[in-house]
PDB file of N, CA and C in Angstrom:
ATOM      1  N   MET A   1     159.162 243.925  97.916  1.00  0.00           N
ATOM      2  CA  MET A   1     160.461 244.545  98.071  1.00  0.00           C
ATOM      3  C   MET A   1     160.429 245.379  99.349  1.00  0.00           C
ATOM      4  N   LYS A   2     160.595 244.738 100.465  1.00  0.00           N
ATOM      5  CA  LYS A   2     160.581 245.424 101.757  1.00  0.00           C
ATOM      6  C   LYS A   2     162.014 245.677 102.191  1.00  0.00           C
ATOM      7  N   GLN A   3     162.533 246.809 101.789  1.00  0.00           N
ATOM      8  CA  GLN A   3     163.836 247.238 102.256  1.00  0.00           C
ATOM      9  C   GLN A   3     164.002 248.708 101.914  1.00  0.00           C
ATOM     10  N   PRO A   4     164.844 249.407 102.663  1.00  0.00           N
ATOM     11  CA  PRO A   4     165.004 250.840 102.416  1.00  0.00           C
ATOM     12  C   PRO A   4     165.486 251.129 100.996  1.00  0.00           C
ATOM     13  N   CYS A   5     164.848 252.093 100.357  1.00  0.00           N
ATOM     14  CA  CYS A   5     165.196 252.485  98.994  1.00  0.00           C
ATOM     15  C   CYS A   5     165.066 253.992  98.839  1.00  0.00           C
ATOM     16  N   VAL A   6     165.903 254.536  97.995  1.00  0.00           N
ATOM     17  CA  VAL A   6     165.767 255.903  97.514  1.00  0.00           C
ATOM     18  C   VAL A   6     165.308 255.756  96.069  1.00  0.00           C
ATOM     19  N   TYR A   7     164.415 256.614  95.626  1.00  0.00           N
ATOM     20  CA  TYR A   7     163.873 256.449  94.282  1.00  0.00           C
ATOM     21  C   TYR A   7     163.564 257.797  93.661  1.00  0.00           C
ATOM     22  N   MET A   8     163.429 257.800  92.336  1.00  0.00           N
ATOM     23  CA  MET A   8     163.023 258.995  91.611  1.00  0.00           C
ATOM     24  C   MET A   8     161.849 258.665  90.698  1.00  0.00           C
ATOM     25  N   MET A   9     160.884 259.565  90.725  1.00  0.00           N
ATOM     26  CA  MET A   9     159.712 259.484  89.874  1.00  0.00           C
ATOM     27  C   MET A   9     159.771 260.640  88.883  1.00  0.00           C
ATOM     28  N   SER A  10     159.189 260.427  87.692  1.00  0.00           N
ATOM     29  CA  SER A  10     159.116 261.482  86.691  1.00  0.00           C
ATOM     30  C   SER A  10     157.835 261.317  85.890  1.00  0.00           C
ATOM     31  N   ASN A  11     157.526 262.326  85.094  1.00  0.00           N
ATOM     32  CA  ASN A  11     156.344 262.247  84.229  1.00  0.00           C
ATOM     33  C   ASN A  11     156.731 261.899  82.793  1.00  0.00           C
ATOM     34  N   ARG A  12     157.996 262.154  82.431  1.00  0.00           N
ATOM     35  CA  ARG A  12     158.479 261.855  81.075  1.00  0.00           C
ATOM     36  C   ARG A  12     159.992 262.047  81.053  1.00  0.00           C
ATOM     37  N   ARG A  13     160.602 261.710  79.950  1.00  0.00           N
ATOM     38  CA  ARG A  13     162.040 261.915  79.785  1.00  0.00           C
ATOM     39  C   ARG A  13     162.356 263.402  79.962  1.00  0.00           C
ATOM     40  N   ASP A  14     163.359 263.685  80.762  1.00  0.00           N
ATOM     41  CA  ASP A  14     163.780 265.053  81.068  1.00  0.00           C
ATOM     42  C   ASP A  14     162.669 265.892  81.692  1.00  0.00           C
ATOM     43  N   GLY A  15     161.696 265.238  82.299  1.00  0.00           N
ATOM     44  CA  GLY A  15     160.579 265.949  82.920  1.00  0.00           C
ATOM     45  C   GLY A  15     160.856 266.308  84.363  1.00  0.00           C
ATOM     46  N   THR A  16     159.804 266.608  85.065  1.00  0.00           N
ATOM     47  CA  THR A  16     159.875 266.946  86.483  1.00  0.00           C
ATOM     48  C   THR A  16     160.343 265.721  87.259  1.00  0.00           C
ATOM     49  N   LEU A  17     161.170 265.934  88.278  1.00  0.00           N
ATOM     50  CA  LEU A  17     161.685 264.842  89.100  1.00  0.00           C
ATOM     51  C   LEU A  17     161.231 264.973  90.542  1.00  0.00           C
ATOM     52  N   TYR A  18     161.001 263.824  91.149  1.00  0.00           N
ATOM     53  CA  TYR A  18     160.707 263.738  92.573  1.00  0.00           C
ATOM     54  C   TYR A  18     161.646 262.699  93.159  1.00  0.00           C
ATOM     55  N   VAL A  19     162.312 263.040  94.250  1.00  0.00           N
ATOM     56  CA  VAL A  19     163.190 262.114  94.959  1.00  0.00           C
ATOM     57  C   VAL A  19     162.518 261.749  96.268  1.00  0.00           C
ATOM     58  N   GLY A  20     162.410 260.455  96.542  1.00  0.00           N
ATOM     59  CA  GLY A  20     161.774 260.002  97.773  1.00  0.00           C
ATOM     60  C   GLY A  20     162.524 258.849  98.403  1.00  0.00           C
ATOM     61  N   VAL A  21     162.098 258.484  99.594  1.00  0.00           N
ATOM     62  CA  VAL A  21     162.687 257.360 100.329  1.00  0.00           C
ATOM     63  C   VAL A  21     161.535 256.541 100.911  1.00  0.00           C
ATOM     64  N   THR A  22     161.703 255.231 100.966  1.00  0.00           N
ATOM     65  CA  THR A  22     160.652 254.351 101.467  1.00  0.00           C
ATOM     66  C   THR A  22     161.255 253.034 101.947  1.00  0.00           C
ATOM     67  N   SER A  23     160.483 252.301 102.721  1.00  0.00           N
ATOM     68  CA  SER A  23     160.900 250.954 103.113  1.00  0.00           C
ATOM     69  C   SER A  23     160.155 249.899 102.297  1.00  0.00           C
ATOM     70  N   ASN A  24     159.185 250.344 101.494  1.00  0.00           N
ATOM     71  CA  ASN A  24     158.420 249.416 100.661  1.00  0.00           C
ATOM     72  C   ASN A  24     158.212 250.067  99.289  1.00  0.00           C
ATOM     73  N   LEU A  25     159.142 249.844  98.395  1.00  0.00           N
ATOM     74  CA  LEU A  25     159.148 250.529  97.109  1.00  0.00           C
ATOM     75  C   LEU A  25     157.919 250.194  96.259  1.00  0.00           C
ATOM     76  N   VAL A  26     157.534 248.950  96.209  1.00  0.00           N
ATOM     77  CA  VAL A  26     156.381 248.562  95.389  1.00  0.00           C
ATOM     78  C   VAL A  26     155.133 249.307  95.847  1.00  0.00           C
ATOM     79  N   GLN A  27     154.879 249.285  97.139  1.00  0.00           N
ATOM     80  CA  GLN A  27     153.694 249.950  97.671  1.00  0.00           C
ATOM     81  C   GLN A  27     153.752 251.460  97.443  1.00  0.00           C
ATOM     82  N   ARG A  28     154.899 252.065  97.678  1.00  0.00           N
ATOM     83  CA  ARG A  28     155.006 253.517  97.551  1.00  0.00           C
ATOM     84  C   ARG A  28     154.838 253.968  96.104  1.00  0.00           C
ATOM     85  N   VAL A  29     155.454 253.257  95.166  1.00  0.00           N
ATOM     86  CA  VAL A  29     155.302 253.619  93.754  1.00  0.00           C
ATOM     87  C   VAL A  29     153.852 253.436  93.319  1.00  0.00           C
ATOM     88  N   TRP A  30     153.213 252.374  93.778  1.00  0.00           N
ATOM     89  CA  TRP A  30     151.797 252.178  93.455  1.00  0.00           C
ATOM     90  C   TRP A  30     150.970 253.356  93.965  1.00  0.00           C
ATOM     91  N   GLN A  31     151.287 253.852  95.170  1.00  0.00           N
ATOM     92  CA  GLN A  31     150.568 255.007  95.715  1.00  0.00           C
ATOM     93  C   GLN A  31     150.757 256.236  94.825  1.00  0.00           C
ATOM     94  N   HIS A  32     151.973 256.447  94.349  1.00  0.00           N
ATOM     95  CA  HIS A  32     152.217 257.569  93.438  1.00  0.00           C
ATOM     96  C   HIS A  32     151.435 257.385  92.138  1.00  0.00           C
ATOM     97  N   ARG A  33     151.493 256.198  91.579  1.00  0.00           N
ATOM     98  CA  ARG A  33     150.852 255.928  90.287  1.00  0.00           C
ATOM     99  C   ARG A  33     149.332 256.044  90.360  1.00  0.00           C
ATOM    100  N   SER A  34     148.760 255.617  91.457  1.00  0.00           N
ATOM    101  CA  SER A  34     147.303 255.615  91.588  1.00  0.00           C
ATOM    102  C   SER A  34     146.751 256.966  92.026  1.00  0.00           C
ATOM    103  N   GLY A  35     147.632 257.855  92.454  1.00  0.00           N
ATOM    104  CA  GLY A  35     147.175 259.142  92.951  1.00  0.00           C
ATOM    105  C   GLY A  35     146.550 259.049  94.327  1.00  0.00           C
ATOM    106  N   GLU A  36     146.811 257.930  95.009  1.00  0.00           N
ATOM    107  CA  GLU A  36     146.243 257.682  96.335  1.00  0.00           C
ATOM    108  C   GLU A  36     146.638 258.767  97.341  1.00  0.00           C
ATOM    109  N   VAL A  37     147.833 259.287  97.201  1.00  0.00           N
ATOM    110  CA  VAL A  37     148.320 260.320  98.104  1.00  0.00           C
ATOM    111  C   VAL A  37     148.414 261.626  97.327  1.00  0.00           C
ATOM    112  N   SER A  38     147.722 262.643  97.807  1.00  0.00           N
ATOM    113  CA  SER A  38     147.791 263.929  97.116  1.00  0.00           C
ATOM    114  C   SER A  38     149.112 264.614  97.471  1.00  0.00           C
ATOM    115  N   GLY A  39     149.595 265.427  96.574  1.00  0.00           N
ATOM    116  CA  GLY A  39     150.846 266.136  96.805  1.00  0.00           C
ATOM    117  C   GLY A  39     151.578 266.393  95.504  1.00  0.00           C
ATOM    118  N   PHE A  40     152.871 266.555  95.612  1.00  0.00           N
ATOM    119  CA  PHE A  40     153.708 266.939  94.489  1.00  0.00           C
ATOM    120  C   PHE A  40     153.590 265.965  93.315  1.00  0.00           C
ATOM    121  N   THR A  41     153.692 264.659  93.586  1.00  0.00           N
ATOM    122  CA  THR A  41     153.690 263.691  92.485  1.00  0.00           C
ATOM    123  C   THR A  41     152.338 263.625  91.778  1.00  0.00           C
ATOM    124  N   SER A  42     151.254 263.741  92.528  1.00  0.00           N
ATOM    125  CA  SER A  42     149.944 263.727  91.863  1.00  0.00           C
ATOM    126  C   SER A  42     149.689 265.045  91.126  1.00  0.00           C
ATOM    127  N   ARG A  43     150.141 266.146  91.703  1.00  0.00           N
ATOM    128  CA  ARG A  43     149.946 267.458  91.071  1.00  0.00           C
ATOM    129  C   ARG A  43     150.649 267.539  89.717  1.00  0.00           C
ATOM    130  N   TYR A  44     151.844 266.936  89.613  1.00  0.00           N
ATOM    131  CA  TYR A  44     152.620 267.016  88.376  1.00  0.00           C
ATOM    132  C   TYR A  44     152.577 265.736  87.538  1.00  0.00           C
ATOM    133  N   GLY A  45     151.756 264.777  87.933  1.00  0.00           N
ATOM    134  CA  GLY A  45     151.598 263.550  87.144  1.00  0.00           C
ATOM    135  C   GLY A  45     152.853 262.701  87.086  1.00  0.00           C
ATOM    136  N   LEU A  46     153.553 262.591  88.206  1.00  0.00           N
ATOM    137  CA  LEU A  46     154.800 261.818  88.245  1.00  0.00           C
ATOM    138  C   LEU A  46     154.480 260.362  88.569  1.00  0.00           C
ATOM    139  N   HIS A  47     154.206 259.591  87.541  1.00  0.00           N
ATOM    140  CA  HIS A  47     153.774 258.198  87.705  1.00  0.00           C
ATOM    141  C   HIS A  47     154.821 257.201  87.246  1.00  0.00           C
ATOM    142  N   ARG A  48     155.945 257.667  86.793  1.00  0.00           N
ATOM    143  CA  ARG A  48     156.962 256.798  86.199  1.00  0.00           C
ATOM    144  C   ARG A  48     158.151 256.648  87.146  1.00  0.00           C
ATOM    145  N   LEU A  49     158.414 255.422  87.615  1.00  0.00           N
ATOM    146  CA  LEU A  49     159.609 255.138  88.410  1.00  0.00           C
ATOM    147  C   LEU A  49     160.783 255.070  87.445  1.00  0.00           C
ATOM    148  N   VAL A  50     161.714 256.020  87.555  1.00  0.00           N
ATOM    149  CA  VAL A  50     162.807 256.067  86.582  1.00  0.00           C
ATOM    150  C   VAL A  50     164.157 255.660  87.166  1.00  0.00           C
ATOM    151  N   TRP A  51     164.244 255.569  88.505  1.00  0.00           N
ATOM    152  CA  TRP A  51     165.512 255.191  89.142  1.00  0.00           C
ATOM    153  C   TRP A  51     165.232 254.795  90.579  1.00  0.00           C
ATOM    154  N   PHE A  52     165.992 253.818  91.074  1.00  0.00           N
ATOM    155  CA  PHE A  52     165.943 253.497  92.501  1.00  0.00           C
ATOM    156  C   PHE A  52     167.268 252.885  92.920  1.00  0.00           C
ATOM    157  N   GLU A  53     167.529 252.992  94.209  1.00  0.00           N
ATOM    158  CA  GLU A  53     168.758 252.460  94.790  1.00  0.00           C
ATOM    159  C   GLU A  53     168.397 251.845  96.135  1.00  0.00           C
ATOM    160  N   GLN A  54     168.733 250.591  96.320  1.00  0.00           N
ATOM    161  CA  GLN A  54     168.458 249.917  97.583  1.00  0.00           C
ATOM    162  C   GLN A  54     169.558 250.249  98.586  1.00  0.00           C
ATOM    163  N   CYS A  55     169.189 250.373  99.839  1.00  0.00           N
ATOM    164  CA  CYS A  55     170.128 250.678 100.911  1.00  0.00           C
ATOM    165  C   CYS A  55     170.023 249.610 101.992  1.00  0.00           C
ATOM    166  N   VAL A  56     171.055 249.497 102.789  1.00  0.00           N
ATOM    167  CA  VAL A  56     171.070 248.499 103.854  1.00  0.00           C
ATOM    168  C   VAL A  56     170.178 248.916 105.021  1.00  0.00           C
ATOM    169  N   GLU A  57     170.248 250.188 105.401  1.00  0.00           N
ATOM    170  CA  GLU A  57     169.481 250.688 106.535  1.00  0.00           C
ATOM    171  C   GLU A  57     168.714 251.945 106.139  1.00  0.00           C
ATOM    172  N   MET A  58     167.625 252.208 106.840  1.00  0.00           N
ATOM    173  CA  MET A  58     166.820 253.392 106.551  1.00  0.00           C
ATOM    174  C   MET A  58     167.625 254.674 106.758  1.00  0.00           C
ATOM    175  N   GLU A  59     168.491 254.699 107.739  1.00  0.00           N
ATOM    176  CA  GLU A  59     169.295 255.894 107.988  1.00  0.00           C
ATOM    177  C   GLU A  59     170.158 256.246 106.781  1.00  0.00           C
ATOM    178  N   SER A  60     170.761 255.243 106.162  1.00  0.00           N
ATOM    179  CA  SER A  60     171.590 255.501 104.979  1.00  0.00           C
ATOM    180  C   SER A  60     170.725 255.911 103.782  1.00  0.00           C
ATOM    181  N   ALA A  61     169.516 255.385 103.703  1.00  0.00           N
ATOM    182  CA  ALA A  61     168.600 255.778 102.628  1.00  0.00           C
ATOM    183  C   ALA A  61     168.191 257.239 102.787  1.00  0.00           C
ATOM    184  N   ILE A  62     167.918 257.647 104.007  1.00  0.00           N
ATOM    185  CA  ILE A  62     167.530 259.033 104.269  1.00  0.00           C
ATOM    186  C   ILE A  62     168.688 259.982 103.955  1.00  0.00           C
ATOM    187  N   GLU A  63     169.883 259.602 104.329  1.00  0.00           N
ATOM    188  CA  GLU A  63     171.062 260.427 104.017  1.00  0.00           C
ATOM    189  C   GLU A  63     171.265 260.549 102.511  1.00  0.00           C
ATOM    190  N   ARG A  64     171.075 259.456 101.795  1.00  0.00           N
ATOM    191  CA  ARG A  64     171.221 259.469 100.334  1.00  0.00           C
ATOM    192  C   ARG A  64     170.151 260.355  99.696  1.00  0.00           C
ATOM    193  N   GLU A  65     168.926 260.279 100.208  1.00  0.00           N
ATOM    194  CA  GLU A  65     167.850 261.127  99.704  1.00  0.00           C
ATOM    195  C   GLU A  65     168.208 262.602  99.887  1.00  0.00           C
ATOM    196  N   LYS A  66     168.694 262.957 101.056  1.00  0.00           N
ATOM    197  CA  LYS A  66     169.074 264.348 101.327  1.00  0.00           C
ATOM    198  C   LYS A  66     170.193 264.795 100.393  1.00  0.00           C
ATOM    199  N   GLN A  67     171.154 263.911 100.172  1.00  0.00           N
ATOM    200  CA  GLN A  67     172.276 264.211  99.275  1.00  0.00           C
ATOM    201  C   GLN A  67     171.766 264.481  97.861  1.00  0.00           C
ATOM    202  N   LEU A  68     170.870 263.641  97.381  1.00  0.00           N
ATOM    203  CA  LEU A  68     170.335 263.814  96.031  1.00  0.00           C
ATOM    204  C   LEU A  68     169.499 265.083  95.908  1.00  0.00           C
ATOM    205  N   LYS A  69     168.649 265.341  96.902  1.00  0.00           N
ATOM    206  CA  LYS A  69     167.802 266.534  96.855  1.00  0.00           C
ATOM    207  C   LYS A  69     168.628 267.810  96.873  1.00  0.00           C
ATOM    208  N   ALA A  70     169.753 267.789  97.596  1.00  0.00           N
ATOM    209  CA  ALA A  70     170.596 268.985  97.701  1.00  0.00           C
ATOM    210  C   ALA A  70     171.476 269.180  96.469  1.00  0.00           C
ATOM    211  N   GLY A  71     171.664 268.128  95.693  1.00  0.00           N
ATOM    212  CA  GLY A  71     172.543 268.199  94.533  1.00  0.00           C
ATOM    213  C   GLY A  71     171.861 268.778  93.309  1.00  0.00           C
ATOM    214  N   PRO A  72     172.658 269.076  92.297  1.00  0.00           N
ATOM    215  CA  PRO A  72     172.101 269.646  91.071  1.00  0.00           C
ATOM    216  C   PRO A  72     171.294 268.625  90.264  1.00  0.00           C
ATOM    217  N   ARG A  73     170.385 269.121  89.472  1.00  0.00           N
ATOM    218  CA  ARG A  73     169.546 268.282  88.612  1.00  0.00           C
ATOM    219  C   ARG A  73     170.392 267.406  87.687  1.00  0.00           C
ATOM    220  N   ARG A  74     171.468 267.961  87.150  1.00  0.00           N
ATOM    221  CA  ARG A  74     172.298 267.198  86.207  1.00  0.00           C
ATOM    222  C   ARG A  74     172.839 265.915  86.838  1.00  0.00           C
ATOM    223  N   ARG A  75     173.096 265.928  88.135  1.00  0.00           N
ATOM    224  CA  ARG A  75     173.580 264.726  88.823  1.00  0.00           C
ATOM    225  C   ARG A  75     172.470 263.678  88.911  1.00  0.00           C
ATOM    226  N   LYS A  76     171.246 264.111  89.151  1.00  0.00           N
ATOM    227  CA  LYS A  76     170.105 263.192  89.191  1.00  0.00           C
ATOM    228  C   LYS A  76     169.869 262.584  87.802  1.00  0.00           C
ATOM    229  N   VAL A  77     169.918 263.423  86.788  1.00  0.00           N
ATOM    230  CA  VAL A  77     169.726 262.951  85.408  1.00  0.00           C
ATOM    231  C   VAL A  77     170.810 261.947  85.040  1.00  0.00           C
ATOM    232  N   ALA A  78     172.049 262.208  85.441  1.00  0.00           N
ATOM    233  CA  ALA A  78     173.152 261.281  85.142  1.00  0.00           C
ATOM    234  C   ALA A  78     172.912 259.923  85.811  1.00  0.00           C
ATOM    235  N   LEU A  79     172.432 259.909  87.049  1.00  0.00           N
ATOM    236  CA  LEU A  79     172.128 258.649  87.732  1.00  0.00           C
ATOM    237  C   LEU A  79     171.052 257.870  86.985  1.00  0.00           C
ATOM    238  N   ILE A  80     170.010 258.572  86.572  1.00  0.00           N
ATOM    239  CA  ILE A  80     168.922 257.918  85.831  1.00  0.00           C
ATOM    240  C   ILE A  80     169.456 257.330  84.536  1.00  0.00           C
ATOM    241  N   GLU A  81     170.191 258.121  83.795  1.00  0.00           N
ATOM    242  CA  GLU A  81     170.621 257.682  82.463  1.00  0.00           C
ATOM    243  C   GLU A  81     171.692 256.601  82.491  1.00  0.00           C
ATOM    244  N   GLN A  82     172.378 256.415  83.619  1.00  0.00           N
ATOM    245  CA  GLN A  82     173.332 255.303  83.744  1.00  0.00           C
ATOM    246  C   GLN A  82     172.620 253.957  83.687  1.00  0.00           C
ATOM    247  N   VAL A  83     171.453 253.870  84.339  1.00  0.00           N
ATOM    248  CA  VAL A  83     170.745 252.591  84.413  1.00  0.00           C
ATOM    249  C   VAL A  83     169.475 252.550  83.579  1.00  0.00           C
ATOM    250  N   ASN A  84     169.005 253.721  83.163  1.00  0.00           N
ATOM    251  CA  ASN A  84     167.718 253.803  82.470  1.00  0.00           C
ATOM    252  C   ASN A  84     167.764 254.914  81.412  1.00  0.00           C
ATOM    253  N   PRO A  85     168.583 254.733  80.382  1.00  0.00           N
ATOM    254  CA  PRO A  85     168.773 255.809  79.401  1.00  0.00           C
ATOM    255  C   PRO A  85     167.505 256.243  78.674  1.00  0.00           C
ATOM    256  N   GLY A  86     166.515 255.400  78.582  1.00  0.00           N
ATOM    257  CA  GLY A  86     165.263 255.757  77.919  1.00  0.00           C
ATOM    258  C   GLY A  86     164.211 256.314  78.857  1.00  0.00           C
ATOM    259  N   TRP A  87     164.544 256.420  80.130  1.00  0.00           N
ATOM    260  CA  TRP A  87     163.621 256.908  81.151  1.00  0.00           C
ATOM    261  C   TRP A  87     162.319 256.097  81.162  1.00  0.00           C
ATOM    262  N   ARG A  88     162.417 254.801  80.911  1.00  0.00           N
ATOM    263  CA  ARG A  88     161.224 253.953  80.922  1.00  0.00           C
ATOM    264  C   ARG A  88     160.738 253.756  82.356  1.00  0.00           C
ATOM    265  N   ASP A  89     159.500 253.380  82.501  1.00  0.00           N
ATOM    266  CA  ASP A  89     158.929 253.101  83.820  1.00  0.00           C
ATOM    267  C   ASP A  89     159.484 251.764  84.308  1.00  0.00           C
ATOM    268  N   MET A  90     160.153 251.770  85.442  1.00  0.00           N
ATOM    269  CA  MET A  90     160.792 250.574  85.986  1.00  0.00           C
ATOM    270  C   MET A  90     159.886 249.815  86.959  1.00  0.00           C
ATOM    271  N   PHE A  91     158.624 250.193  87.047  1.00  0.00           N
ATOM    272  CA  PHE A  91     157.713 249.549  88.003  1.00  0.00           C
ATOM    273  C   PHE A  91     157.627 248.048  87.772  1.00  0.00           C
ATOM    274  N   ASP A  92     157.519 247.615  86.521  1.00  0.00           N
ATOM    275  CA  ASP A  92     157.435 246.175  86.237  1.00  0.00           C
ATOM    276  C   ASP A  92     158.686 245.435  86.693  1.00  0.00           C
ATOM    277  N   ASP A  93     159.828 246.109  86.722  1.00  0.00           N
ATOM    278  CA  ASP A  93     161.077 245.485  87.192  1.00  0.00           C
ATOM    279  C   ASP A  93     161.011 245.139  88.671  1.00  0.00           C
ATOM    280  N   ILE A  94     160.284 245.916  89.445  1.00  0.00           N
ATOM    281  CA  ILE A  94     160.268 245.682  90.889  1.00  0.00           C
ATOM    282  C   ILE A  94     159.106 244.794  91.348  1.00  0.00           C
ATOM    283  N   VAL A  95     158.086 244.657  90.513  1.00  0.00           N
ATOM    284  CA  VAL A  95     156.971 243.785  90.896  1.00  0.00           C
ATOM    285  C   VAL A  95     157.174 242.366  90.384  1.00  0.00           C
ATOM    286  N   GLY A  96     158.150 242.189  89.527  1.00  0.00           N
ATOM    287  CA  GLY A  96     158.524 240.866  89.076  1.00  0.00           C
ATOM    288  C   GLY A  96     157.675 240.325  88.004  1.00  0.00           C
TER     289      GLY A  96
END
């Protein structure tokens, strides 16, 4: 899946959220899950891909990421629950 994406990671339902942007969602989520990159997601155990949105260009993905990060938590939760009401890990959906 090589295309710009905005995504959210969590540790559990209604847990801590991380919003990120990438051009390779499969690789980036694997990095979060494996703990390959130290930082916020490894510190809080955010290994579950709970939401993602594909974008046409990286610039629009970055703008969307900024919009989500600046917005309230309830808006992020609403986005997740529209497509993933159980907050299940969507990693298998993107690796096929």
